[in-house]
Protein backbone atom coordinates (compact mmCIF):
# COMPACT_ATOMS: atom_id res chain seq x y z
CA MET A 1 -17.60 58.34 -12.60
CA GLU A 2 -15.28 55.53 -11.81
CA MET A 3 -12.40 56.31 -9.54
CA ARG A 4 -8.91 54.88 -10.08
CA THR A 5 -5.59 54.71 -8.35
CA ARG A 6 -2.21 53.06 -9.00
CA PHE A 7 -2.69 49.28 -9.27
CA ASP A 8 -0.50 47.08 -7.07
CA TRP A 9 1.31 45.22 -9.82
CA GLY A 10 3.75 43.61 -7.34
CA GLN A 11 0.78 41.83 -5.84
CA VAL A 12 -0.36 40.75 -9.30
CA VAL A 13 3.01 39.28 -10.10
CA ARG A 14 3.33 37.52 -6.72
CA LEU A 15 -0.11 36.05 -6.96
CA GLY A 16 0.29 34.86 -10.49
CA LEU A 17 3.52 33.18 -9.72
CA LEU A 18 2.17 31.50 -6.64
CA MET A 19 -0.86 30.18 -8.50
CA GLY A 20 1.40 29.01 -11.34
CA ILE A 21 3.69 27.11 -8.94
CA VAL A 22 0.63 25.53 -7.20
CA ALA A 23 -0.66 24.33 -10.66
CA LEU A 24 2.94 23.10 -11.62
CA SER A 25 3.30 21.31 -8.35
CA LEU A 26 0.03 19.46 -8.86
CA CYS A 27 1.21 18.36 -12.28
CA LEU A 28 4.59 17.20 -11.11
CA ILE A 29 3.23 15.09 -8.23
CA GLY A 30 0.88 13.44 -10.59
CA MET A 31 -2.53 14.58 -9.33
CA VAL A 32 -3.47 16.42 -12.56
CA GLY A 33 -2.70 13.36 -14.75
CA THR A 34 -4.18 10.76 -12.38
CA PHE A 35 -7.39 12.62 -11.78
CA ASP A 36 -8.05 13.60 -15.45
CA GLU A 37 -9.82 10.36 -15.78
CA ARG A 38 -12.18 11.15 -12.79
CA ASN A 39 -15.16 12.93 -14.13
CA ILE A 40 -16.98 15.67 -12.15
CA ILE A 41 -19.48 16.33 -14.95
CA GLY A 42 -19.49 13.40 -17.29
CA GLY A 43 -17.75 14.09 -20.55
CA VAL A 44 -17.44 17.82 -19.77
CA ILE A 45 -15.18 18.61 -16.72
CA THR A 46 -12.73 16.31 -14.99
CA LEU A 47 -11.18 16.61 -11.58
CA GLY A 48 -7.73 16.93 -13.24
CA GLN A 49 -8.87 19.93 -15.18
CA ILE A 50 -10.28 21.60 -12.05
CA LEU A 51 -6.88 21.01 -10.32
CA LEU A 52 -4.99 22.38 -13.29
CA PHE A 53 -7.11 25.58 -13.90
CA GLY A 54 -8.55 26.01 -10.38
CA PRO A 55 -5.44 28.05 -9.12
CA ALA A 56 -5.94 30.62 -11.91
CA VAL A 57 -9.59 31.03 -10.94
CA ALA A 58 -8.66 31.30 -7.34
CA GLY A 59 -5.92 33.84 -8.13
CA GLY A 60 -8.40 36.10 -9.87
CA TYR A 61 -10.98 35.84 -7.08
CA VAL A 62 -8.43 36.54 -4.39
CA LEU A 63 -7.11 39.66 -6.31
CA ALA A 64 -10.65 40.98 -6.73
CA GLN A 65 -11.35 40.35 -3.01
CA SER A 66 -8.22 42.30 -1.91
CA THR A 67 -8.95 45.17 -4.33
CA SER A 68 -12.54 45.36 -3.15
CA ARG A 69 -11.36 45.71 0.38
CA LEU A 70 -8.96 48.49 -0.65
CA ARG A 71 -11.75 50.13 -2.49
CA SER A 72 -14.03 50.26 0.51
CA GLU A 73 -11.13 51.52 2.75
CA ALA A 74 -10.38 54.24 0.09
CA GLU A 75 -14.00 55.27 -0.02
CA THR A 76 -14.29 55.59 3.74
CA SER A 77 -11.19 57.75 3.76
CA SER A 78 -12.44 59.84 0.77
CA ALA A 79 -9.51 58.72 -1.46
CA GLU A 80 -9.54 57.25 -4.94
CA SER A 81 -10.21 53.56 -5.44
CA THR A 82 -9.24 50.89 -7.83
CA GLY A 83 -11.74 50.49 -10.67
CA THR A 84 -13.54 47.39 -12.00
CA VAL A 85 -11.55 47.59 -15.28
CA SER A 86 -8.21 47.72 -13.48
CA THR A 87 -9.22 44.77 -11.30
CA LEU A 88 -10.19 42.65 -14.46
CA LEU A 89 -6.92 43.77 -16.07
CA GLY A 90 -5.02 42.61 -13.03
CA ALA A 91 -6.81 39.25 -13.08
CA LEU A 92 -5.90 38.89 -16.78
CA MET A 93 -2.21 39.38 -15.88
CA VAL A 94 -2.54 36.92 -12.91
CA GLY A 95 -3.83 34.30 -15.33
CA LEU A 96 -1.12 34.98 -17.87
CA ILE A 97 1.64 34.88 -15.24
CA SER A 98 0.24 31.72 -13.67
CA SER A 99 0.56 30.05 -17.10
CA LEU A 100 4.37 30.71 -17.40
CA PRO A 101 5.43 27.73 -15.21
CA LEU A 102 3.16 25.39 -17.12
CA ILE A 103 4.37 26.77 -20.51
CA LEU A 104 8.01 26.12 -19.33
CA LEU A 105 7.02 22.57 -18.44
CA ILE A 106 5.58 22.13 -21.96
CA PHE A 107 8.82 23.12 -23.72
CA LEU A 108 11.04 21.17 -21.30
CA GLY A 109 8.77 18.14 -21.97
CA GLN A 110 9.61 18.42 -25.65
CA ILE A 111 13.28 17.67 -25.06
CA THR A 112 13.95 13.98 -25.82
CA THR A 113 16.75 11.61 -24.89
CA PRO A 114 18.82 9.81 -27.54
CA GLU A 115 16.55 6.81 -27.01
CA GLY A 116 13.44 8.88 -27.94
CA GLY A 117 11.96 9.30 -24.52
CA VAL A 118 11.06 12.50 -22.66
CA TRP A 119 14.28 13.76 -20.98
CA LEU A 120 12.41 15.31 -18.02
CA ARG A 121 10.82 11.97 -17.13
CA GLN A 122 14.15 10.69 -15.92
CA PHE A 123 13.84 13.13 -12.92
CA LEU A 124 10.01 13.67 -12.89
CA PRO A 125 8.23 10.45 -13.92
CA ASN A 126 4.78 12.13 -13.76
CA VAL A 127 5.62 14.31 -16.78
CA SER A 128 3.96 11.87 -19.08
CA PRO A 129 2.91 12.39 -22.82
CA GLU A 130 -0.75 12.31 -21.63
CA LEU A 131 -0.01 15.25 -19.29
CA LEU A 132 1.80 17.22 -21.99
CA GLU A 133 -1.10 16.54 -24.41
CA MET A 134 -3.57 17.79 -21.82
CA LEU A 135 -1.57 21.01 -21.18
CA THR A 136 -1.28 21.75 -24.93
CA PHE A 137 -4.94 20.73 -25.71
CA GLY A 138 -3.65 18.23 -28.27
CA GLN A 139 -1.92 20.91 -30.32
CA GLY A 140 1.76 21.68 -30.89
CA PRO A 141 3.89 23.31 -28.06
CA VAL A 142 3.66 26.90 -29.52
CA LEU A 143 -0.03 26.89 -30.29
CA GLY A 144 -0.87 24.83 -27.25
CA SER A 145 0.94 27.27 -24.98
CA LEU A 146 -0.93 30.26 -26.46
CA ILE A 147 -4.28 28.40 -25.87
CA LEU A 148 -3.15 27.52 -22.33
CA ALA A 149 -2.28 31.16 -21.62
CA GLY A 150 -5.58 32.28 -23.07
CA VAL A 151 -7.62 29.80 -21.04
CA THR A 152 -5.79 30.68 -17.67
CA ALA A 153 -6.22 34.35 -18.37
CA SER A 154 -9.98 33.97 -19.23
CA LEU A 155 -10.61 31.84 -16.14
CA SER A 156 -8.75 34.23 -13.85
CA MET A 157 -10.89 37.11 -15.07
CA LEU A 158 -13.96 34.90 -14.61
CA GLY A 159 -12.87 34.39 -10.91
CA ALA A 160 -12.39 38.08 -10.47
CA GLY A 161 -15.67 38.78 -12.08
CA ALA A 162 -17.49 36.34 -9.74
CA ASN A 163 -16.09 38.41 -6.79
CA LEU A 164 -17.18 41.71 -8.34
CA LEU A 165 -20.82 40.45 -8.57
CA PRO A 166 -23.28 41.77 -5.95
CA GLN A 167 -23.47 39.71 -2.83
CA ARG A 168 -27.05 38.63 -3.58
CA VAL A 169 -25.82 37.05 -6.87
CA ARG A 170 -22.32 35.88 -5.80
CA SER A 171 -23.51 33.88 -2.82
CA PRO A 172 -25.99 31.59 -4.58
CA LEU A 173 -23.68 31.30 -7.51
CA LEU A 174 -20.76 29.98 -5.25
CA THR A 175 -23.11 27.85 -3.27
CA GLY A 176 -24.40 26.12 -6.39
CA LEU A 177 -20.94 25.59 -7.79
CA MET A 178 -19.71 24.13 -4.48
CA ALA A 179 -22.64 21.75 -4.25
CA VAL A 180 -21.95 20.54 -7.87
CA LEU A 181 -18.25 20.00 -7.08
CA MET A 182 -19.04 18.08 -3.84
CA MET A 183 -21.72 15.88 -5.48
CA GLY A 184 -19.37 15.27 -8.42
CA LEU A 185 -16.55 14.23 -5.96
CA MET A 186 -18.92 11.92 -4.03
CA ALA A 187 -20.57 10.45 -7.13
CA GLU A 188 -19.01 6.97 -6.86
CA ILE A 189 -19.65 6.83 -3.05
CA ILE A 190 -23.33 7.72 -3.54
CA ILE A 191 -23.69 5.11 -6.26
CA LEU A 192 -21.94 2.57 -4.11
CA ALA A 193 -24.10 3.45 -1.03
CA TRP A 194 -27.50 3.28 -2.84
CA GLY A 195 -26.72 0.48 -5.20
CA SER A 196 -28.39 -0.07 -8.57
CA LYS A 197 -31.93 -1.08 -7.60
CA GLY A 198 -35.02 0.89 -6.78
CA ILE A 199 -34.31 4.47 -5.72
CA GLY A 200 -30.61 3.83 -6.23
CA LEU A 201 -31.22 3.06 -9.95
CA LEU A 202 -33.36 6.16 -10.32
CA ILE A 203 -30.70 8.42 -8.71
CA ARG A 204 -27.99 6.79 -10.85
CA ARG A 205 -29.94 7.36 -14.18
CA VAL A 206 -31.02 10.98 -13.41
CA LEU A 207 -28.06 12.46 -11.56
CA PHE A 208 -25.00 10.52 -12.73
CA GLU A 209 -23.21 9.26 -15.76
CA ALA A 210 -19.69 8.06 -16.65
CA GLY A 211 -18.52 8.26 -13.06
CA GLY A 212 -19.72 11.83 -12.67
CA LEU A 213 -22.72 14.05 -12.69
CA SER A 214 -24.87 14.16 -15.72
CA LEU A 215 -25.93 17.48 -17.39
CA VAL A 216 -29.40 17.11 -15.94
CA GLY A 217 -28.01 16.24 -12.56
CA THR A 218 -25.63 19.14 -12.61
CA ALA A 219 -28.44 21.56 -13.46
CA LEU A 220 -30.78 20.16 -10.77
CA ILE A 221 -28.11 20.22 -8.04
CA PHE A 222 -27.00 23.81 -8.91
CA LEU A 223 -30.59 25.06 -9.04
CA ILE A 224 -31.49 23.37 -5.71
CA ALA A 225 -28.41 24.69 -3.83
CA ALA A 226 -28.55 28.17 -5.33
CA GLY A 227 -32.36 28.34 -4.77
CA ALA A 228 -31.99 27.30 -1.15
CA ASN A 229 -29.33 30.01 -0.63
CA VAL A 230 -31.55 32.65 -2.20
CA GLY A 231 -34.60 31.53 -0.24
CA TRP A 232 -32.73 31.62 3.04
CA ALA A 233 -31.11 34.94 2.30
CA THR A 234 -34.49 36.55 1.52
CA GLN A 235 -36.45 34.99 4.43
CA ARG A 236 -33.72 34.82 7.09
CA GLU A 237 -34.39 38.35 8.54
CA ARG A 238 -38.18 37.95 8.41
CA VAL A 239 -37.99 34.52 10.06
CA GLN A 240 -35.70 35.80 12.87
CA ARG A 241 -37.90 38.77 13.51
CA ARG A 242 -41.03 36.52 13.70
CA VAL A 243 -39.27 34.14 16.01
CA SER A 244 -37.98 36.87 18.29
CA ALA A 245 -41.50 38.39 18.45
CA LEU A 246 -42.95 35.10 19.77
CA PRO A 247 -43.92 34.87 23.40
CA PRO A 248 -41.46 32.84 25.58
CA LYS A 249 -43.71 29.83 25.79
CA ARG A 250 -43.93 29.59 21.99
CA GLN A 251 -40.24 30.04 21.66
CA LYS A 252 -39.65 27.21 24.01
CA ARG A 253 -42.10 25.01 22.04
CA LEU A 254 -40.27 25.93 18.86
CA ASP A 255 -36.95 24.87 20.42
CA ARG A 256 -38.39 21.59 21.46
CA THR A 257 -39.70 21.10 17.90
CA ARG A 258 -36.22 21.82 16.50
CA VAL A 259 -34.69 19.30 18.91
CA ALA A 260 -37.38 16.70 17.97
CA LEU A 261 -36.65 17.13 14.25
CA GLY A 262 -32.95 16.83 14.92
CA VAL A 263 -33.43 13.65 16.93
CA LEU A 264 -35.68 12.20 14.21
CA LEU A 265 -33.05 13.00 11.61
CA MET A 266 -30.40 11.27 13.60
CA LEU A 267 -32.65 8.18 13.99
CA LEU A 268 -33.32 8.00 10.29
CA LEU A 269 -29.81 8.61 9.20
CA PRO A 270 -28.72 4.97 8.78
CA PHE A 271 -31.63 4.36 6.43
CA ILE A 272 -30.66 7.35 4.29
CA LEU A 273 -26.83 6.75 4.30
CA ARG A 274 -26.84 2.94 3.86
CA THR A 275 -24.07 0.62 5.02
CA TYR A 276 -20.85 2.21 3.78
CA LEU A 277 -21.66 5.82 4.78
CA THR A 278 -23.11 4.66 8.04
CA GLU A 279 -19.74 2.93 8.76
CA VAL A 280 -17.99 6.28 8.07
CA VAL A 281 -20.41 7.97 10.47
CA ASN A 282 -19.61 5.46 13.20
CA ASN A 283 -15.88 6.18 12.84
CA ILE A 284 -16.80 9.85 13.25
CA GLY A 285 -18.78 9.14 16.29
CA LEU A 286 -15.87 7.31 18.03
CA TYR A 287 -13.66 10.30 17.47
CA ILE A 288 -16.41 12.58 18.66
CA LEU A 289 -16.40 10.61 21.94
CA MET A 290 -12.67 11.06 22.18
CA GLY A 291 -12.94 14.74 21.22
CA PHE A 292 -15.35 15.50 24.02
CA GLY A 293 -12.90 13.90 26.53
CA LEU A 294 -9.86 15.75 25.10
CA ASN A 295 -11.85 18.96 24.89
CA ILE A 296 -12.21 18.77 28.70
CA VAL A 297 -8.48 18.37 29.20
CA VAL A 298 -7.22 20.79 26.53
CA GLY A 299 -10.13 23.07 25.87
CA PHE A 300 -11.55 23.51 29.38
CA ALA A 301 -8.49 22.86 31.65
CA GLY A 302 -5.74 24.03 29.25
CA LEU A 303 -3.66 20.86 29.80
CA LEU A 304 -1.92 19.89 26.53
CA ASP A 305 -2.12 16.05 26.32
CA LEU A 306 -0.44 14.34 23.41
CA GLY A 307 -0.73 10.79 24.79
CA TYR A 308 -4.58 10.70 24.84
CA VAL A 309 -4.57 7.52 22.74
CA ALA A 310 -3.26 5.66 25.73
CA PHE A 311 -6.64 5.81 27.43
CA PHE A 312 -8.38 4.80 24.14
CA ALA A 313 -6.06 1.74 24.04
CA ILE A 314 -6.63 0.84 27.71
CA GLY A 315 -10.39 0.92 27.15
CA ALA A 316 -10.10 -1.30 24.14
CA TYR A 317 -7.72 -3.88 25.70
CA THR A 318 -9.77 -4.07 28.87
CA MET A 319 -12.89 -4.81 26.80
CA GLY A 320 -10.92 -7.41 24.85
CA MET A 321 -9.48 -9.10 27.90
CA LEU A 322 -12.82 -9.32 29.69
CA THR A 323 -15.05 -10.47 26.82
CA SER A 324 -12.79 -12.39 24.33
CA THR A 325 -13.59 -16.02 23.64
CA GLY A 326 -10.32 -16.62 21.71
CA GLU A 327 -7.15 -18.48 22.61
CA LEU A 328 -6.09 -16.02 25.26
CA GLY A 329 -9.12 -16.97 27.26
CA GLY A 330 -11.00 -13.91 28.36
CA ALA A 331 -13.23 -13.60 31.38
CA GLY A 332 -16.29 -14.41 29.27
CA MET A 333 -18.20 -11.23 30.31
CA SER A 334 -20.75 -9.44 28.21
CA PHE A 335 -20.21 -6.06 26.74
CA TRP A 336 -22.36 -4.31 29.30
CA ALA A 337 -20.82 -6.08 32.18
CA ALA A 338 -17.19 -5.29 31.02
CA LEU A 339 -18.01 -1.64 30.08
CA PRO A 340 -17.78 -0.25 33.74
CA PHE A 341 -14.44 -1.93 34.19
CA CYS A 342 -13.15 -0.33 30.99
CA LEU A 343 -14.13 3.12 32.25
CA ILE A 344 -12.60 2.40 35.68
CA ALA A 345 -9.33 1.20 34.09
CA SER A 346 -9.14 4.35 31.94
CA VAL A 347 -10.06 6.66 34.91
CA VAL A 348 -7.28 5.01 37.06
CA ALA A 349 -4.79 5.46 34.13
CA GLY A 350 -5.79 9.14 33.92
CA VAL A 351 -5.11 9.67 37.67
CA ILE A 352 -1.83 7.79 37.31
CA LEU A 353 -0.76 10.10 34.51
CA GLY A 354 -2.05 13.16 36.30
CA VAL A 355 -0.15 12.76 39.58
CA PRO A 356 3.47 13.02 38.20
CA VAL A 357 2.59 15.97 35.94
CA LEU A 358 0.79 18.26 38.51
CA ARG A 359 3.53 20.92 38.45
CA MET A 360 4.23 20.76 34.68
CA ARG A 361 2.87 23.15 32.12
CA GLY A 362 3.04 23.77 28.35
CA ASP A 363 5.65 22.00 26.31
CA TYR A 364 6.90 19.91 29.24
CA LEU A 365 3.44 18.63 30.00
CA ALA A 366 3.04 17.74 26.25
CA ILE A 367 6.29 15.75 26.22
CA VAL A 368 5.43 13.83 29.33
CA THR A 369 2.03 12.83 28.03
CA LEU A 370 3.54 11.88 24.70
CA GLY A 371 5.86 9.59 26.46
CA PHE A 372 2.99 8.02 28.41
CA GLY A 373 1.14 7.25 25.17
CA GLU A 374 4.20 5.64 23.68
CA ILE A 375 4.81 3.52 26.82
CA ILE A 376 1.37 2.06 26.54
CA ARG A 377 1.82 1.35 22.88
CA ILE A 378 5.22 -0.36 23.52
CA LEU A 379 3.76 -2.39 26.46
CA ALA A 380 0.98 -3.69 24.15
CA LEU A 381 3.65 -4.93 21.69
CA SER A 382 5.94 -6.32 24.31
CA ASP A 383 6.53 -9.99 25.00
CA TRP A 384 6.06 -9.33 28.63
CA LEU A 385 2.39 -8.81 28.24
CA LYS A 386 1.86 -11.08 25.32
CA PRO A 387 0.35 -13.98 27.46
CA PHE A 388 -2.38 -11.54 28.52
CA ILE A 389 -3.01 -9.23 25.56
CA GLY A 390 -1.49 -11.09 22.62
CA GLY A 391 1.37 -8.80 21.73
CA ALA A 392 1.58 -8.01 17.97
CA GLN A 393 -1.07 -10.61 17.27
CA GLY A 394 -3.61 -8.65 19.49
CA ILE A 395 -6.83 -9.98 20.93
CA LEU A 396 -9.35 -11.76 18.68
CA MET A 397 -12.86 -13.01 18.86
CA ILE A 398 -14.27 -10.13 20.88
CA PRO A 399 -18.13 -10.54 20.81
CA LYS A 400 -20.43 -7.79 19.52
CA PRO A 401 -22.61 -5.89 22.00
CA SER A 402 -26.13 -7.10 22.47
CA ILE A 403 -29.24 -6.03 24.39
CA PHE A 404 -32.35 -8.04 25.06
CA GLY A 405 -31.24 -10.60 22.56
CA LEU A 406 -30.59 -8.03 19.81
CA ARG A 407 -26.92 -8.04 18.66
CA PHE A 408 -25.25 -5.01 17.11
CA LEU A 409 -23.86 -6.83 14.11
CA THR A 410 -24.41 -4.29 11.32
CA PRO A 411 -23.04 -0.73 11.03
CA GLN A 412 -26.69 0.56 11.12
CA SER A 413 -27.38 -1.10 14.48
CA LEU A 414 -24.07 -0.10 15.98
CA TYR A 415 -24.75 3.42 14.93
CA TYR A 416 -27.44 3.74 17.57
CA LEU A 417 -25.13 2.60 20.37
CA ILE A 418 -22.45 5.11 19.38
CA LEU A 419 -25.13 7.85 19.04
CA ILE A 420 -26.49 7.30 22.49
CA CYS A 421 -22.90 7.38 23.95
CA CYS A 422 -22.10 10.61 22.06
CA LEU A 423 -25.31 12.27 23.31
CA VAL A 424 -24.50 11.21 26.87
CA ALA A 425 -20.91 12.56 26.54
CA ALA A 426 -22.21 15.80 25.11
CA PHE A 427 -24.74 16.19 27.94
CA VAL A 428 -22.10 15.50 30.60
CA SER A 429 -19.58 17.92 28.95
CA TRP A 430 -22.27 20.62 28.78
CA ARG A 431 -23.24 20.21 32.37
CA LEU A 432 -19.61 20.18 33.55
CA ARG A 433 -18.77 23.34 31.48
CA ASP A 434 -21.45 25.39 33.29
CA ALA A 435 -20.89 23.84 36.69
CA ARG A 436 -18.48 25.03 39.38
CA LEU A 437 -15.94 22.43 38.28
CA GLY A 438 -16.04 23.71 34.74
CA ARG A 439 -15.54 27.35 35.80
CA GLN A 440 -12.53 26.16 37.83
CA TRP A 441 -11.06 24.35 34.81
CA MET A 442 -11.43 27.52 32.77
CA ALA A 443 -9.85 29.69 35.51
CA MET A 444 -6.93 27.30 35.63
CA ARG A 445 -6.60 27.40 31.89
CA GLU A 446 -6.33 31.11 31.95
CA ASP A 447 -3.78 31.47 34.75
CA GLU A 448 -2.84 28.69 37.22
CA ASP A 449 -1.20 30.99 39.76
CA VAL A 450 -4.24 33.37 39.88
CA ALA A 451 -6.48 30.36 40.11
CA GLU A 452 -4.61 28.87 43.01
CA ALA A 453 -4.48 32.24 44.78
CA SER A 454 -8.29 32.36 44.37
CA GLY A 455 -8.69 29.19 46.36
CA ILE A 456 -9.03 26.66 43.46
CA PRO A 457 -7.34 23.31 44.44
CA LEU A 458 -5.13 22.68 41.46
CA VAL A 459 -4.34 19.12 42.38
CA LYS A 460 -7.96 18.00 42.59
CA THR A 461 -8.99 20.08 39.63
CA LYS A 462 -6.24 18.68 37.33
CA LEU A 463 -6.83 15.11 38.35
CA LEU A 464 -10.52 15.46 37.66
CA ALA A 465 -9.78 16.84 34.27
CA PHE A 466 -7.48 13.92 33.39
CA ALA A 467 -9.86 11.30 34.86
CA THR A 468 -12.96 12.63 33.07
CA GLY A 469 -11.24 12.97 29.69
CA ALA A 470 -9.78 9.40 30.16
CA ALA A 471 -13.26 7.96 30.89
CA PHE A 472 -14.62 9.25 27.53
CA ALA A 473 -11.56 7.86 25.68
CA GLY A 474 -11.99 4.51 27.39
CA LEU A 475 -15.65 4.39 26.47
CA SER A 476 -14.70 5.00 22.77
CA GLY A 477 -12.07 2.30 23.01
CA ALA A 478 -14.40 -0.18 24.45
CA ILE A 479 -16.88 0.38 21.54
CA PHE A 480 -14.05 0.27 19.06
CA ALA A 481 -12.92 -3.11 20.30
CA SER A 482 -16.41 -4.60 20.06
CA LYS A 483 -16.99 -2.98 16.75
CA LEU A 484 -13.94 -4.68 15.06
CA SER A 485 -14.15 -7.85 17.20
CA SER A 486 -10.45 -7.62 17.64
CA VAL A 487 -7.71 -5.29 18.97
CA PHE A 488 -4.22 -4.76 17.65
CA PRO A 489 -1.41 -2.46 18.87
CA HIS A 490 -1.01 -0.65 15.55
CA SER A 491 -4.43 0.90 16.01
CA PHE A 492 -3.12 2.99 18.87
CA ASN A 493 -0.28 5.05 17.42
CA LEU A 494 0.53 8.75 17.96
CA LEU A 495 -1.52 9.75 14.92
CA VAL A 496 -4.77 9.07 16.85
CA SER A 497 -3.82 11.53 19.51
CA ILE A 498 -2.86 14.15 16.86
CA ASN A 499 -6.08 13.65 15.01
CA VAL A 500 -8.13 14.13 18.07
CA LEU A 501 -6.17 17.22 19.08
CA CYS A 502 -6.52 18.58 15.44
CA LEU A 503 -10.31 18.17 15.41
CA ILE A 504 -10.60 20.11 18.56
CA ILE A 505 -8.47 22.90 17.26
CA VAL A 506 -10.23 22.91 13.82
CA GLY A 507 -13.70 22.76 15.34
CA GLY A 508 -12.90 25.37 17.97
CA ILE A 509 -11.00 24.92 21.28
CA GLY A 510 -13.55 24.67 24.20
CA SER A 511 -16.54 24.44 21.88
CA LEU A 512 -18.83 21.39 22.19
CA PRO A 513 -20.45 21.81 18.65
CA GLY A 514 -16.91 22.43 17.31
CA VAL A 515 -15.90 18.87 18.37
CA VAL A 516 -18.71 17.41 16.28
CA VAL A 517 -17.90 19.75 13.24
CA GLY A 518 -14.15 19.15 13.61
CA ALA A 519 -14.62 15.40 13.63
CA ILE A 520 -16.85 15.55 10.51
CA PHE A 521 -14.26 17.49 8.59
CA LEU A 522 -11.04 15.72 9.73
CA ILE A 523 -12.22 12.18 10.14
CA GLY A 524 -15.21 11.96 7.66
CA LEU A 525 -13.56 13.81 4.84
CA PRO A 526 -10.46 11.61 4.51
CA GLU A 527 -12.72 8.62 4.62
CA LEU A 528 -14.79 9.99 1.79
CA LEU A 529 -11.71 10.81 -0.17
CA ARG A 530 -10.28 7.30 0.30
CA GLU A 531 -10.68 6.70 -3.47
CA PHE A 532 -7.87 9.23 -4.16
CA ALA A 533 -5.38 6.81 -2.45
CA GLU A 534 -2.08 8.49 -1.41
CA TYR A 535 -3.25 11.97 -2.48
CA ARG A 536 -6.11 12.13 0.03
CA TYR A 537 -3.93 13.17 2.95
CA LEU A 538 -2.24 15.72 0.74
CA MET A 539 -5.62 17.24 0.07
CA TYR A 540 -6.64 16.88 3.74
CA GLY A 541 -3.50 18.86 4.76
CA ALA A 542 -4.10 21.59 2.15
CA LEU A 543 -7.67 22.12 3.45
CA LEU A 544 -6.35 22.32 6.97
CA ILE A 545 -4.00 25.00 5.99
CA VAL A 546 -6.54 27.02 4.20
CA MET A 547 -9.04 26.66 6.96
CA MET A 548 -6.44 27.72 9.65
CA LEU A 549 -5.62 30.82 7.56
CA LEU A 550 -9.28 31.84 6.94
CA ARG A 551 -10.76 30.92 10.34
CA PRO A 552 -8.03 30.50 13.01
CA GLU A 553 -10.66 30.47 15.83
CA GLY A 554 -12.14 27.23 14.42
CA LEU A 555 -15.25 26.31 12.39
CA TRP A 556 -17.58 26.61 15.34
CA PRO A 557 -15.64 28.42 18.03
CA SER A 558 -16.79 29.06 21.63
CA ALA A 559 -17.80 32.66 22.35
CA VAL A 560 -14.82 33.21 24.76
CA HIS A 561 -12.20 31.95 22.28
CA LYS A 562 -13.69 33.89 19.39
CA ARG A 563 -13.69 37.03 21.49
CA GLU A 564 -10.10 36.55 22.51
CA LEU A 565 -8.81 36.12 18.94
CA HIS A 566 -10.83 38.94 17.53
CA ALA A 567 -10.26 41.40 20.47
CA ASP A 568 -8.44 43.96 18.23
CA GLU A 569 -11.21 43.89 15.56
CA LEU A 570 -13.87 44.37 18.18
CA ALA A 571 -11.97 47.28 19.64
CA THR A 572 -11.60 48.84 16.21
CA SER A 573 -15.25 48.45 15.29
CA ALA A 574 -16.25 49.80 18.71
CA GLY A 575 -14.12 52.89 18.24
CA GLN A 576 -15.58 53.44 14.76
CA ALA A 577 -19.21 53.04 16.12
CA THR A 578 -18.66 55.65 18.81
CA GLY A 579 -16.83 57.99 16.50
CA GLY A 580 -13.76 57.91 18.77
CA PRO A 581 -10.28 56.46 18.40
CA ALA A 582 -9.94 52.74 18.42
CA LEU A 583 -8.41 51.21 21.62
CA SER A 584 -4.78 50.09 21.31
CA GLU A 585 -3.62 46.69 22.60
CA ALA A 586 -2.20 48.41 25.65
CA ASP A 587 -5.32 50.46 26.43
CA SER A 588 -7.51 47.40 26.11
């Protein structure tokens, strides 16, 4: 017998209005109209339609998720729970309410000026006749509004129904749909990367059509992604049991095999991704290098540095000054001969920054480091240093790296240089984290006073953190200068420091794998969405907000940071497991 209780209609109204405002905002800023020509599934679904109706689906899914949680809590407390019918009814109302702002836009869009134009376009130029036709499905305002309300209500119920499915069905379904969406979004990039000959032509004919996925390609991608999810879900526990039952020697051999396969994949990656996507991976690699360095300063030592781009700029300009063959007249050194000097210059700059800020903490430290970064940028633009570093014209004709006569001219060849540097930086960071110095950094991060009372030399520890982090940034800057064959001051603005700091936070503060994951999401994703022009940073910011709300500890957090953020949940679950009361914050 299905149990019921009073439904939270206030939540339904709030959620419906929120989703309606989101859909209306996407219409008014022009995203829906602009991307209606961008096919996800050729001739069937466009990106504009997903942006228009996606909020209604999301509203139904979120409502069903919250009611499922209430149902489980009610069942554990032997109370009545919200039924499936009530959940679907609530989702229906969410869809209807979310259509109201769009219906209002339809009727306001019918008001014309004496000249015959749309009155609303005087204030909101994106309210075009094409957008109104899309909202009304080519019908009149009354009939079109009814159709719109019916579609949003049905899709909201569909979203709620997806959440009500069993986990074994819901997980592969959502995985398949996400795979189709991502492949549809990246259709043009994949076509561009693989070209129109050989395998590229075969991929283009089978998977894509009209700038999006074909029906056959959609079915193949959905089945492959959903099947992989089902296969892993059914075999995961069995595989884990078999692996844990292996003797230690075989487990070590299995770990080495995994590492070997990972290295092989990384070596073959440029041949799979081709030129354009390899260039994107190279940009990600440069930020990974800087991320490892800033992770030492912020993640390990707890020193908030907002001027990290200064060390990146110093490494790049040092490489340019020592290797350039342009009018400024560099020293004529090779990349490998100049590289140690780039690292030394960055380390010295890190020590110079560290000495004045030894007694500063928190916001004050952030402001001082921010000022240091701006000083370096302004000096690079100044006429005072123009004879040496070119001022606004920068340094040109920086030679590419070469080894044994082989020059790193293409993105594919440069990829291996960046890969080796990233692996070395990861190894050094890993060894430092587990060494005495790493433990000193972490103790200083938790409480400087207690760390100093325990005998940790704060001056030496802080300077080593700044110097090590600066060395990684200088290495990244040196490769960056050789990669572009030029250095300009506008490449070293505050946004670089913010991006590096964001990728650490998004990936997980203090987590080495988190640096890699954060760089892929925050640096690679905007590059892949470059076709969406001015809207790509809006989408990038929205994804950041969603991620921080759902996973505040980061995408791949360190064990310590995850434990700190979820201390209350762990204490509650521990109390439930033992049958006793959960620990309060004061008790813990």
